[in-house]
Amino acid sequence: MKNDQAYQCPAVSVGNLNLLRALGRGNFPVIAATSIANEVAFYSKYANDIHRIPGPTKTPVEFTQALLELGKDLKDLSPILFYDADADLLCISRNRSKFNDYFRFNMPPHEIIEKLVDKARFIDYANKYKLPIPNAKVIGFENDSYKVSSDIFSLPVIVKPVTRIDWFDSPLAKAFGKGGKAILVHDKNELEQIVKISVDYQVGIVIQELITGDESQILSYHSYISKTGSILGEYTGKKYRTFPNHFGMSTCVEVCENQEIIDAGRGIIEKTELVGIVKIDFKKDPLTGKLYLLEINPRFNIWNYPGAVSGVNLPVIAYCDIVDEKPNFPIKVNKNIKWIDAARDRQMYKEIGRGYEFYYNSWLKNLNNSTVYTIWAWNDPVPYFWCILNRCRNGVNKAISKVYGYIMQSLGNLQ
């Protein structure tokens, strides 16, 4: 059934441990090519080879050059390229004429990528196809834009960055974000202050109406679409917890079946004619039951690992499609699988003052085959122990530095 020559093509994973573990379940070699931020992936048994490259967020030119150099070395093997962050996606898309010479991948046209990643352009894109997005307004950098901002919507509203790249280092995120991906605003004066800072520091933002309900109302559709438009695999997911508790990064999600979300996701795919990997986030208003489209992400993500364990391995399906193999993969999940980021999940419980619940809800309650973790895995334990050793090493270095500083200060006082 399988073409042995085709399956010699390596998968190059420019991403974190979750993507690597999903790819590692396939019948092909996997190369971990990523920055120091994802170094833990280098210690996974699924990494047949490793390459440290600069990160795309701070050094996009160096990232592109390093990845192209790797592509040149692997050119004869026709490698398949995988990516799981906006910065990776944009660098590859914007330089696809160069990457096409060395790698194979399936992603939407460049202009579509730009519209999906940029939330300001996404509004126009969604309106073009009459997609059910919340009411939103892009704030430009005109000097008087902040004076009228508070009259756009009824408070409360949420404020989101036009692009999440570098958001957490921005003045707005540091002053108002509380570590989250968006800012919840209840006060008119605070909103005007936020918009004024965005203008002063040239940080693009979107003001959006607040859809009621907590993070557990966020549901997602995941699929891989061939270049001919066929959906080769799909599943849905439910978010349970995030850190911070509002607008934070996911700490607990579950792959499950939800026909309403599948129908909604398929409807968007049909309208927009997207291809490649797709993640579509919705939020259901608990009062009206209406589904709102929040965003469309054309890249691999943390969901792909629990999805693979649930029976639908979208990265492997993508690989097989790109090398022209048509294996008989299931397109629906055969069991529900939870994914937990234990470190952030513990912070979430501490944030809400119920830290003791973490040990039961995140660990004891999930000691079975229906939960996977972002670091820990019974069949791939070395990354977890590397994290423990690395943390101990950092602790020792800090202690030594502190003692050294105390000694030097004491010697200085003696003089």
Protein backbone atom coordinates (compact mmCIF):
# COMPACT_ATOMS: atom_id res chain seq x y z
CA MET A 1 0.00 0.00 0.00
CA LYS A 2 2.80 2.43 0.90
CA ASN A 3 5.44 3.69 -1.47
CA ASP A 4 8.70 2.92 0.40
CA GLN A 5 10.65 5.51 -1.58
CA ALA A 6 8.12 8.24 -0.79
CA TYR A 7 8.23 7.39 2.90
CA GLN A 8 11.98 8.11 3.02
CA CYS A 9 11.15 11.83 2.78
CA PRO A 10 11.80 13.44 6.17
CA ALA A 11 9.28 15.64 7.93
CA VAL A 12 10.92 18.86 9.15
CA SER A 13 9.15 20.08 12.27
CA VAL A 14 9.60 23.80 12.91
CA GLY A 15 7.57 23.69 16.08
CA ASN A 16 7.15 22.41 19.60
CA LEU A 17 7.04 18.99 21.22
CA ASN A 18 3.32 18.49 20.53
CA LEU A 19 3.78 18.70 16.76
CA LEU A 20 6.85 16.47 16.93
CA ARG A 21 4.99 13.76 18.84
CA ALA A 22 2.13 13.79 16.35
CA LEU A 23 4.54 13.46 13.44
CA GLY A 24 6.48 10.77 15.28
CA ARG A 25 3.49 8.46 15.04
CA GLY A 26 3.99 8.28 11.27
CA ASN A 27 6.16 5.87 9.31
CA PHE A 28 8.84 8.38 8.27
CA PRO A 29 11.88 10.18 9.77
CA VAL A 30 11.27 13.44 11.64
CA ILE A 31 13.77 16.29 11.97
CA ALA A 32 13.31 18.80 14.81
CA ALA A 33 14.43 22.17 13.43
CA THR A 34 13.51 24.84 15.94
CA SER A 35 14.78 27.58 18.22
CA ILE A 36 15.94 27.49 21.83
CA ALA A 37 12.35 28.29 22.89
CA ASN A 38 11.35 24.75 21.87
CA GLU A 39 14.60 23.06 22.92
CA VAL A 40 12.76 20.39 24.91
CA ALA A 41 11.69 18.84 21.57
CA PHE A 42 15.31 17.92 20.88
CA TYR A 43 15.19 15.33 23.67
CA SER A 44 12.20 13.44 22.32
CA LYS A 45 12.68 9.93 20.99
CA TYR A 46 10.73 11.02 17.91
CA ALA A 47 13.47 13.42 16.77
CA ASN A 48 15.62 11.44 14.36
CA ASP A 49 17.82 14.50 13.90
CA ILE A 50 17.95 17.99 15.42
CA HIS A 51 18.88 21.43 14.11
CA ARG A 52 18.97 24.56 16.25
CA ILE A 53 17.90 27.59 14.25
CA PRO A 54 17.16 31.21 15.23
CA GLY A 55 13.64 32.07 16.31
CA PRO A 56 11.35 33.67 13.71
CA THR A 57 9.81 36.29 16.03
CA LYS A 58 12.94 38.31 16.84
CA THR A 59 15.19 37.23 13.95
CA PRO A 60 13.00 36.41 10.92
CA VAL A 61 15.79 36.93 8.38
CA GLU A 62 18.17 34.62 10.24
CA PHE A 63 15.37 32.07 10.74
CA THR A 64 14.59 32.05 7.03
CA GLN A 65 18.24 31.74 6.04
CA ALA A 66 18.93 28.90 8.49
CA LEU A 67 15.87 26.95 7.39
CA LEU A 68 16.78 27.41 3.73
CA GLU A 69 20.29 26.12 4.44
CA LEU A 70 18.77 23.01 6.00
CA GLY A 71 16.53 22.65 2.96
CA LYS A 72 19.54 22.75 0.66
CA ASP A 73 21.17 19.94 2.65
CA LEU A 74 18.00 17.84 2.42
CA LYS A 75 17.01 18.75 -1.12
CA ASP A 76 17.62 15.29 -2.55
CA LEU A 77 15.20 13.83 0.02
CA SER A 78 12.33 16.21 -0.85
CA PRO A 79 11.48 17.09 2.79
CA ILE A 80 7.99 18.05 3.97
CA LEU A 81 7.77 21.23 6.06
CA PHE A 82 5.57 21.67 9.16
CA TYR A 83 5.08 24.85 11.26
CA ASP A 84 2.98 25.68 14.32
CA ALA A 85 3.21 29.41 15.09
CA ASP A 86 2.19 32.63 13.33
CA ALA A 87 5.77 33.86 13.04
CA ASP A 88 6.88 30.57 11.41
CA LEU A 89 3.90 30.64 9.09
CA LEU A 90 4.48 34.23 7.94
CA CYS A 91 8.22 33.78 7.33
CA ILE A 92 7.62 30.68 5.24
CA SER A 93 4.66 32.16 3.36
CA ARG A 94 6.43 35.44 2.58
CA ASN A 95 9.46 33.54 1.26
CA ARG A 96 7.63 30.64 -0.32
CA SER A 97 9.25 31.15 -3.70
CA LYS A 98 12.56 30.27 -2.02
CA PHE A 99 11.20 27.53 0.22
CA ASN A 100 9.46 25.86 -2.72
CA ASP A 101 12.90 25.07 -4.14
CA TYR A 102 13.75 22.80 -1.18
CA PHE A 103 10.61 21.88 0.76
CA ARG A 104 7.12 20.63 0.07
CA PHE A 105 4.09 21.97 1.95
CA ASN A 106 0.42 22.74 1.39
CA MET A 107 -0.85 26.13 2.51
CA PRO A 108 -3.29 28.73 1.19
CA PRO A 109 -2.07 31.52 -1.16
CA HIS A 110 0.12 34.20 0.41
CA GLU A 111 -2.55 36.91 0.32
CA ILE A 112 -4.98 34.64 2.21
CA ILE A 113 -2.36 33.86 4.89
CA GLU A 114 -1.86 37.59 5.46
CA LYS A 115 -5.60 38.15 5.86
CA LEU A 116 -6.01 35.28 8.32
CA VAL A 117 -3.09 36.28 10.56
CA ASP A 118 -3.81 40.02 10.57
CA LYS A 119 -7.02 40.53 12.55
CA ALA A 120 -7.70 43.89 10.91
CA ARG A 121 -7.61 42.36 7.44
CA PHE A 122 -9.47 39.30 8.73
CA ILE A 123 -12.54 41.46 9.40
CA ASP A 124 -12.77 42.41 5.73
CA TYR A 125 -12.07 38.81 4.72
CA ALA A 126 -14.84 37.47 6.97
CA ASN A 127 -17.31 40.13 5.80
CA LYS A 128 -16.57 39.25 2.19
CA TYR A 129 -17.75 35.68 2.78
CA LYS A 130 -20.47 36.73 5.26
CA LEU A 131 -18.93 34.76 8.09
CA PRO A 132 -20.54 35.17 11.56
CA ILE A 133 -17.87 37.23 13.34
CA PRO A 134 -18.58 39.53 16.32
CA ASN A 135 -18.93 43.25 15.66
CA ALA A 136 -15.44 44.75 15.58
CA LYS A 137 -13.65 47.98 14.75
CA VAL A 138 -10.03 48.46 13.75
CA ILE A 139 -8.31 51.42 15.40
CA GLY A 140 -5.86 53.18 13.12
CA PHE A 141 -3.05 55.49 14.08
CA GLU A 142 -4.77 58.81 13.41
CA ASN A 143 -4.08 61.35 16.14
CA ASP A 144 -7.76 61.79 17.04
CA SER A 145 -8.88 58.17 16.79
CA TYR A 146 -8.84 57.65 20.57
CA LYS A 147 -11.34 60.48 21.09
CA VAL A 148 -14.18 58.58 19.46
CA SER A 149 -13.23 55.02 20.38
CA SER A 150 -15.45 54.77 23.43
CA ASP A 151 -18.57 55.46 21.36
CA ILE A 152 -18.12 52.42 19.09
CA PHE A 153 -19.64 49.75 21.33
CA SER A 154 -21.49 49.36 24.58
CA LEU A 155 -19.08 48.42 27.34
CA PRO A 156 -17.65 45.98 28.25
CA VAL A 157 -15.58 45.23 25.15
CA ILE A 158 -12.40 43.31 24.44
CA VAL A 159 -9.30 44.75 22.82
CA LYS A 160 -7.11 42.44 20.72
CA PRO A 161 -3.83 43.04 18.89
CA VAL A 162 -3.96 43.16 15.11
CA THR A 163 -1.27 40.46 15.19
CA ARG A 164 -0.15 38.42 18.19
CA ILE A 165 3.50 38.42 17.13
CA ASP A 166 5.40 40.44 19.77
CA TRP A 167 2.10 41.24 21.52
CA PHE A 168 3.26 40.10 24.96
CA ASP A 169 6.24 42.49 24.78
CA SER A 170 4.12 45.46 23.72
CA PRO A 171 3.38 48.43 26.03
CA LEU A 172 -0.34 47.62 25.96
CA ALA A 173 0.08 44.00 26.98
CA LYS A 174 2.46 44.93 29.79
CA ALA A 175 0.20 47.68 31.11
CA PHE A 176 -3.25 46.11 30.67
CA GLY A 177 -2.96 42.57 29.32
CA LYS A 178 -2.34 40.66 32.57
CA GLY A 179 -0.61 37.96 30.51
CA GLY A 180 -3.63 37.33 28.27
CA LYS A 181 -4.15 37.38 24.52
CA ALA A 182 -6.73 40.17 24.82
CA ILE A 183 -7.80 42.92 27.24
CA LEU A 184 -11.24 43.06 28.83
CA VAL A 185 -12.34 46.69 29.24
CA HIS A 186 -15.25 47.80 31.45
CA ASP A 187 -14.40 51.49 31.81
CA LYS A 188 -14.67 54.25 29.19
CA ASN A 189 -11.61 56.10 30.47
CA GLU A 190 -9.53 52.93 30.41
CA LEU A 191 -10.59 52.23 26.82
CA GLU A 192 -9.59 55.73 25.71
CA GLN A 193 -6.25 55.32 27.48
CA ILE A 194 -5.63 51.98 25.75
CA VAL A 195 -6.42 53.42 22.34
CA LYS A 196 -4.22 56.46 22.95
CA ILE A 197 -1.27 54.21 23.89
CA SER A 198 -1.88 52.12 20.77
CA VAL A 199 -1.65 55.28 18.65
CA ASP A 200 1.40 56.64 20.49
CA TYR A 201 3.32 53.35 20.20
CA GLN A 202 1.90 52.31 16.82
CA VAL A 203 0.41 49.07 18.19
CA GLY A 204 -2.50 48.05 15.98
CA ILE A 205 -5.60 46.92 17.88
CA VAL A 206 -9.13 45.72 17.24
CA ILE A 207 -12.04 46.61 19.53
CA GLN A 208 -14.60 43.82 19.55
CA GLU A 209 -17.94 43.28 21.19
CA LEU A 210 -17.82 40.90 24.14
CA ILE A 211 -19.51 37.54 23.61
CA THR A 212 -20.82 36.41 26.98
CA GLY A 213 -19.62 33.20 28.58
CA ASP A 214 -16.25 31.98 29.83
CA GLU A 215 -13.48 30.18 27.95
CA SER A 216 -15.36 26.88 28.12
CA GLN A 217 -17.74 28.29 25.49
CA ILE A 218 -14.90 28.27 22.93
CA LEU A 219 -15.19 25.37 20.49
CA SER A 220 -12.91 24.57 17.57
CA TYR A 221 -12.94 22.75 14.26
CA HIS A 222 -9.77 21.11 12.94
CA SER A 223 -9.20 19.64 9.50
CA TYR A 224 -6.73 19.02 6.72
CA ILE A 225 -7.83 19.85 3.17
CA SER A 226 -6.03 18.57 0.09
CA LYS A 227 -5.04 20.87 -2.75
CA THR A 228 -8.11 19.63 -4.63
CA GLY A 229 -10.39 20.70 -1.79
CA SER A 230 -11.14 17.31 -0.21
CA ILE A 231 -11.34 17.12 3.60
CA LEU A 232 -9.08 14.17 4.46
CA GLY A 233 -9.47 14.32 8.23
CA GLU A 234 -11.36 16.37 10.79
CA TYR A 235 -12.38 16.60 14.44
CA THR A 236 -13.70 19.13 16.90
CA GLY A 237 -12.48 20.33 20.28
CA LYS A 238 -13.63 22.01 23.45
CA LYS A 239 -11.58 24.36 25.62
CA TYR A 240 -11.80 23.89 29.39
CA ARG A 241 -9.20 26.11 31.06
CA THR A 242 -6.67 28.83 30.22
CA PHE A 243 -4.01 30.81 32.00
CA PRO A 244 -4.67 33.60 32.70
CA ASN A 245 -8.21 32.54 33.45
CA HIS A 246 -9.59 35.01 30.89
CA PHE A 247 -8.15 35.31 27.35
CA GLY A 248 -5.16 33.18 28.31
CA MET A 249 -3.22 30.36 26.67
CA SER A 250 -4.92 26.97 26.76
CA THR A 251 -4.09 24.75 29.74
CA CYS A 252 -6.75 22.05 29.27
CA VAL A 253 -8.57 21.14 26.05
CA GLU A 254 -10.41 18.07 24.80
CA VAL A 255 -10.76 16.50 21.38
CA CYS A 256 -14.34 15.32 21.03
CA GLU A 257 -17.22 15.00 18.58
CA ASN A 258 -19.59 17.90 18.00
CA GLN A 259 -21.67 17.71 14.84
CA GLU A 260 -22.80 21.34 15.08
CA ILE A 261 -19.18 22.53 14.99
CA ILE A 262 -18.29 20.10 12.20
CA ASP A 263 -21.14 21.48 10.10
CA ALA A 264 -20.10 25.07 10.87
CA GLY A 265 -16.46 24.34 10.05
CA ARG A 266 -17.30 22.58 6.80
CA GLY A 267 -19.51 25.50 5.82
CA ILE A 268 -16.63 27.94 6.22
CA ILE A 269 -14.24 25.66 4.29
CA GLU A 270 -16.77 25.43 1.47
CA LYS A 271 -17.23 29.20 1.30
CA THR A 272 -13.57 30.18 1.53
CA GLU A 273 -11.97 27.28 -0.40
CA LEU A 274 -9.12 26.99 2.11
CA VAL A 275 -6.50 24.25 1.75
CA GLY A 276 -3.94 22.66 4.04
CA ILE A 277 -4.19 22.52 7.82
CA VAL A 278 -6.98 24.62 9.33
CA LYS A 279 -8.12 25.41 12.88
CA ILE A 280 -11.33 27.40 13.20
CA ASP A 281 -12.32 28.82 16.59
CA PHE A 282 -15.92 29.55 17.53
CA LYS A 283 -17.59 30.87 20.65
CA LYS A 284 -21.17 30.02 21.51
CA ASP A 285 -23.24 32.67 23.23
CA PRO A 286 -24.77 30.82 26.20
CA LEU A 287 -27.80 33.12 26.17
CA THR A 288 -28.75 32.94 22.50
CA GLY A 289 -26.97 29.77 21.38
CA LYS A 290 -25.51 31.65 18.40
CA LEU A 291 -22.08 30.59 17.15
CA TYR A 292 -19.58 33.36 16.48
CA LEU A 293 -16.43 32.85 14.43
CA LEU A 294 -13.38 34.12 16.33
CA GLU A 295 -10.47 33.24 14.06
CA ILE A 296 -9.08 30.91 11.40
CA ASN A 297 -5.54 29.58 11.85
CA PRO A 298 -3.88 27.96 8.79
CA ARG A 299 -1.08 26.25 10.76
CA PHE A 300 -0.43 23.22 12.93
CA ASN A 301 -1.01 23.59 16.67
CA ILE A 302 -1.16 21.93 20.10
CA TRP A 303 -4.43 20.21 19.20
CA ASN A 304 -2.74 17.98 16.66
CA TYR A 305 -1.12 15.81 19.36
CA PRO A 306 -4.34 14.88 21.24
CA GLY A 307 -6.03 14.64 17.84
CA ALA A 308 -3.46 12.06 16.77
CA VAL A 309 -4.00 10.05 19.95
CA SER A 310 -7.76 10.25 19.41
CA GLY A 311 -7.33 8.57 16.02
CA VAL A 312 -7.14 11.48 13.55
CA ASN A 313 -3.50 12.46 12.99
CA LEU A 314 -3.74 15.55 10.81
CA PRO A 315 0.06 16.10 10.47
CA VAL A 316 0.52 12.51 9.24
CA ILE A 317 -2.48 12.87 6.95
CA ALA A 318 -0.87 16.05 5.56
CA TYR A 319 2.41 14.23 5.02
CA CYS A 320 0.73 11.36 3.16
CA ASP A 321 -1.26 13.76 0.98
CA ILE A 322 1.84 15.75 0.03
CA VAL A 323 3.81 12.63 -0.94
CA ASP A 324 0.79 11.42 -2.96
CA GLU A 325 -0.09 8.55 -0.65
CA LYS A 326 -3.75 7.84 0.11
CA PRO A 327 -3.78 5.70 3.25
CA ASN A 328 -7.14 4.78 4.75
CA PHE A 329 -7.11 7.07 7.80
CA PRO A 330 -10.25 7.61 9.88
CA ILE A 331 -11.76 11.05 9.48
CA LYS A 332 -13.51 11.00 12.87
CA VAL A 333 -12.20 10.52 16.40
CA ASN A 334 -12.63 7.10 18.01
CA LYS A 335 -12.28 8.36 21.60
CA ASN A 336 -12.20 11.65 23.49
CA ILE A 337 -8.70 12.79 24.47
CA LYS A 338 -7.78 15.63 26.83
CA TRP A 339 -4.56 17.64 26.53
CA ILE A 340 -3.14 19.41 29.59
CA ASP A 341 -0.28 21.86 30.01
CA ALA A 342 0.42 20.99 33.65
CA ALA A 343 2.70 23.94 34.42
CA ARG A 344 0.21 26.55 33.20
CA ASP A 345 -2.74 24.60 34.58
CA ARG A 346 -1.20 24.78 38.06
CA GLN A 347 -0.82 28.55 37.65
CA MET A 348 -4.46 28.80 36.60
CA TYR A 349 -5.67 27.06 39.76
CA LYS A 350 -3.42 29.23 41.90
CA GLU A 351 -4.78 32.35 40.16
CA ILE A 352 -8.35 31.51 41.15
CA GLY A 353 -7.30 30.56 44.70
CA ARG A 354 -7.95 26.83 44.36
CA GLY A 355 -4.42 25.52 43.94
CA TYR A 356 -5.17 22.28 45.76
CA GLU A 357 -7.64 21.24 43.01
CA PHE A 358 -4.83 21.09 40.46
CA TYR A 359 -3.43 17.83 41.80
CA TYR A 360 -6.77 16.08 41.46
CA ASN A 361 -8.19 17.62 38.29
CA SER A 362 -4.94 17.67 36.28
CA TRP A 363 -3.22 14.51 37.55
CA LEU A 364 -5.09 12.01 39.72
CA LYS A 365 -8.31 12.35 37.76
CA ASN A 366 -6.47 11.77 34.47
CA LEU A 367 -4.20 8.80 35.20
CA ASN A 368 -5.59 6.84 32.29
CA ASN A 369 -5.24 6.61 28.54
CA SER A 370 -7.64 9.49 27.85
CA THR A 371 -5.20 12.31 28.69
CA VAL A 372 -1.93 13.52 27.18
CA TYR A 373 0.39 16.22 28.50
CA THR A 374 2.41 18.91 26.78
CA ILE A 375 5.67 17.61 28.31
CA TRP A 376 5.10 14.36 30.17
CA ALA A 377 4.52 11.12 28.23
CA TRP A 378 4.93 7.53 29.46
CA ASN A 379 6.36 6.46 26.12
CA ASP A 380 8.59 9.54 25.71
CA PRO A 381 9.73 10.56 29.23
CA VAL A 382 13.15 12.11 28.55
CA PRO A 383 11.83 15.64 27.71
CA TYR A 384 10.09 15.76 31.10
CA PHE A 385 13.20 14.76 33.04
CA TRP A 386 15.27 17.20 30.98
CA CYS A 387 12.89 19.98 32.10
CA ILE A 388 13.31 18.93 35.74
CA LEU A 389 17.12 18.85 35.47
CA ASN A 390 17.16 22.17 33.62
CA ARG A 391 15.03 23.78 36.32
CA CYS A 392 17.34 22.41 39.04
CA ARG A 393 20.38 23.70 37.16
CA ASN A 394 18.87 27.16 36.85
CA GLY A 395 18.01 27.12 40.55
CA VAL A 396 21.57 26.19 41.50
CA ASN A 397 23.00 28.90 39.25
CA LYS A 398 20.73 31.51 40.84
CA ALA A 399 21.72 30.37 44.32
CA ILE A 400 25.43 30.53 43.46
CA SER A 401 24.99 33.98 41.95
CA LYS A 402 23.14 35.17 45.06
CA VAL A 403 25.83 33.81 47.43
CA TYR A 404 28.59 35.31 45.28
CA GLY A 405 26.86 38.70 45.35
CA TYR A 406 26.49 38.50 49.14
CA ILE A 407 30.20 37.66 49.56
CA MET A 408 31.32 40.49 47.29
CA GLN A 409 29.06 42.94 49.12
CA SER A 410 30.49 41.79 52.47
CA LEU A 411 34.06 42.22 51.22
CA GLY A 412 33.18 45.68 49.97
CA ASN A 413 31.82 46.63 53.38
CA LEU A 414 35.02 45.43 55.06
CA GLN A 415 37.06 47.79 52.91
